[in-house]
Amino acid sequence: MQVKLTIQERLKDLRVERGLTLEQLAEQTGLSKSALGKYETDDFKDISPFSIVTLAKFYGVSTDYLLGMTETKNHPDIGAGTGAGG
């Protein structure tokens, strides 16, 4: 049985996996610390499409993964850990 993670859990897990604080994530993504904190808690309302795309690009995952539409983090055509990008 596979347990589906919520958007909040996925965002927090990705941040913790990288050893980042909310402050560091805010600095690196340009999103506000308060917004990022709300995204990871149950009191969040809606995450803007801009924030979803920004976080997906930052973490190297698909937007579908963040939104819980798939359990696959990366798009099948994207090689993991290539280090390419800009």
Protein backbone atom coordinates (compact mmCIF):
# COMPACT_ATOMS: atom_id res chain seq x y z
CA MET A 1 0.00 0.00 0.00
CA GLN A 2 1.40 3.34 -1.06
CA VAL A 3 0.61 6.39 1.01
CA LYS A 4 0.14 9.59 -0.96
CA LEU A 5 1.92 12.61 0.40
CA THR A 6 0.16 15.95 0.56
CA ILE A 7 1.55 18.98 -1.26
CA GLN A 8 2.72 20.30 2.11
CA GLU A 9 4.56 17.06 2.92
CA ARG A 10 6.17 16.91 -0.51
CA LEU A 11 7.46 20.48 -0.24
CA LYS A 12 8.83 19.95 3.24
CA ASP A 13 10.42 16.61 2.35
CA LEU A 14 12.19 18.11 -0.65
CA ARG A 15 13.52 21.00 1.43
CA VAL A 16 14.67 18.75 4.29
CA GLU A 17 16.30 16.29 1.85
CA ARG A 18 18.52 19.15 0.71
CA GLY A 19 19.24 20.32 4.23
CA LEU A 20 17.77 23.76 3.65
CA THR A 21 16.10 26.07 6.13
CA LEU A 22 13.14 28.16 5.05
CA GLU A 23 15.46 31.19 5.07
CA GLN A 24 17.92 29.50 2.70
CA LEU A 25 15.14 28.33 0.41
CA ALA A 26 13.70 31.85 0.31
CA GLU A 27 17.10 33.30 -0.61
CA GLN A 28 17.68 30.75 -3.36
CA THR A 29 14.20 30.87 -4.93
CA GLY A 30 13.23 34.50 -4.42
CA LEU A 31 9.99 33.42 -2.73
CA SER A 32 9.18 34.86 0.69
CA LYS A 33 9.98 32.86 3.81
CA SER A 34 6.48 33.43 5.15
CA ALA A 35 4.88 32.10 1.96
CA LEU A 36 7.18 29.07 1.92
CA GLY A 37 6.35 28.34 5.56
CA LYS A 38 2.64 28.51 4.81
CA TYR A 39 3.04 26.16 1.85
CA GLU A 40 4.45 23.53 4.22
CA THR A 41 1.73 23.80 6.85
CA ASP A 42 -1.92 22.88 6.93
CA ASP A 43 -3.01 26.53 7.03
CA PHE A 44 -1.90 27.25 3.47
CA LYS A 45 -4.51 28.42 1.00
CA ASP A 46 -3.45 28.34 -2.64
CA ILE A 47 0.05 28.18 -4.05
CA SER A 48 0.39 30.42 -7.07
CA PRO A 49 1.31 28.80 -10.38
CA PHE A 50 4.48 30.91 -10.34
CA SER A 51 5.51 29.45 -6.97
CA ILE A 52 4.73 25.87 -8.08
CA VAL A 53 6.87 26.27 -11.21
CA THR A 54 9.66 28.03 -9.29
CA LEU A 55 9.83 25.29 -6.65
CA ALA A 56 9.58 22.47 -9.21
CA LYS A 57 12.48 23.94 -11.20
CA PHE A 58 14.52 24.54 -8.05
CA TYR A 59 14.05 20.97 -6.80
CA GLY A 60 14.32 19.39 -10.26
CA VAL A 61 10.92 17.72 -10.00
CA SER A 62 7.79 17.93 -12.12
CA THR A 63 4.93 20.21 -11.20
CA ASP A 64 2.71 17.12 -11.35
CA TYR A 65 4.80 15.58 -8.56
CA LEU A 66 4.43 18.65 -6.36
CA LEU A 67 0.69 18.71 -6.97
CA GLY A 68 0.30 15.03 -6.17
CA MET A 69 -0.74 14.02 -9.68
CA THR A 70 2.12 11.51 -9.96
CA GLU A 71 4.50 9.71 -7.64
CA THR A 72 7.35 10.10 -10.15
CA LYS A 73 9.53 13.02 -9.13
CA ASN A 74 11.27 13.57 -12.46
CA HIS A 75 10.02 13.67 -16.00
CA PRO A 76 11.10 10.41 -17.68
CA ASP A 77 13.15 12.28 -20.29
CA ILE A 78 15.18 14.21 -17.72
CA GLY A 79 18.37 12.56 -16.54
CA ALA A 80 18.80 12.81 -12.77
CA GLY A 81 21.89 14.59 -11.49
CA THR A 82 23.13 15.92 -14.82
CA GLY A 83 24.01 19.24 -13.24
CA ALA A 84 22.94 21.05 -16.39
CA GLY A 85 20.77 24.10 -16.28
CA GLY A 86 20.89 27.73 -15.63
